[in-house]
Amino acid sequence: MKLILGISSFVLGLSLVFKKRYQVLNTLLAVRVIRKLLVAVTMKLPNVRQKILPSILGRSAS
């Protein structure tokens, strides 16, 4: 019974987070430390640096 209740609670919580994902993301990104950490980690990804960053800065992607 505890297992079923635990799994049900987990699925319900997961579905609520998914339904409110943009509000959760905005809340997390409102925290300066988390936002800076996320940007730093994202900039280390090769695809972001090669493809997305040039389009943001208005340069041609090479």
Protein backbone atom coordinates (compact mmCIF):
# COMPACT_ATOMS: atom_id res chain seq x y z
CA MET A 1 0.00 0.00 0.00
CA LYS A 2 2.85 2.38 0.85
CA LEU A 3 4.51 1.61 -2.47
CA ILE A 4 1.36 2.40 -4.46
CA LEU A 5 0.86 5.63 -2.53
CA GLY A 6 4.48 6.61 -3.06
CA ILE A 7 4.38 5.91 -6.79
CA SER A 8 1.05 7.76 -7.11
CA SER A 9 2.46 10.77 -5.28
CA PHE A 10 5.55 10.76 -7.45
CA VAL A 11 3.52 10.61 -10.68
CA LEU A 12 1.18 13.34 -9.47
CA GLY A 13 4.10 15.58 -8.49
CA LEU A 14 5.85 14.93 -11.79
CA SER A 15 2.72 15.76 -13.77
CA LEU A 16 2.22 19.00 -11.82
CA VAL A 17 5.82 20.05 -12.45
CA PHE A 18 5.41 19.23 -16.14
CA LYS A 19 2.16 21.18 -16.34
CA LYS A 20 3.72 24.20 -14.61
CA ARG A 21 7.19 23.74 -16.15
CA TYR A 22 7.50 27.31 -17.42
CA GLN A 23 6.54 28.79 -14.07
CA VAL A 24 9.04 26.48 -12.36
CA LEU A 25 11.73 27.45 -14.88
CA ASN A 26 11.03 31.18 -14.43
CA THR A 27 11.17 30.77 -10.66
CA LEU A 28 14.51 28.97 -10.84
CA LEU A 29 15.98 31.47 -13.31
CA ALA A 30 14.96 34.35 -11.05
CA VAL A 31 17.72 33.22 -8.68
CA ARG A 32 20.91 34.91 -9.88
CA VAL A 33 23.29 32.12 -8.84
CA ILE A 34 21.28 29.43 -10.61
CA ARG A 35 20.94 31.58 -13.75
CA LYS A 36 24.70 32.24 -13.89
CA LEU A 37 25.48 28.56 -13.34
CA LEU A 38 23.06 27.54 -16.10
CA VAL A 39 24.59 30.02 -18.56
CA ALA A 40 28.11 28.88 -17.70
CA VAL A 41 27.22 25.22 -18.19
CA THR A 42 25.35 25.95 -21.43
CA MET A 43 28.28 27.88 -22.89
CA LYS A 44 30.50 24.82 -22.39
CA LEU A 45 28.33 22.80 -24.81
CA PRO A 46 29.95 22.75 -28.28
CA ASN A 47 26.68 22.98 -30.24
CA VAL A 48 25.64 26.11 -28.38
CA ARG A 49 28.94 27.85 -28.95
CA GLN A 50 29.14 26.92 -32.64
CA LYS A 51 25.54 27.29 -33.80
CA ILE A 52 23.39 29.27 -31.42
CA LEU A 53 25.82 31.89 -30.17
CA PRO A 54 26.73 33.29 -33.62
CA SER A 55 23.07 33.68 -34.52
CA ILE A 56 22.46 35.56 -31.28
CA LEU A 57 25.39 37.89 -31.91
CA GLY A 58 24.52 38.38 -35.58
CA ARG A 59 27.65 36.76 -36.97
CA SER A 60 27.79 34.07 -39.61
CA ALA A 61 28.16 30.53 -38.31
CA SER A 62 31.28 28.83 -39.63
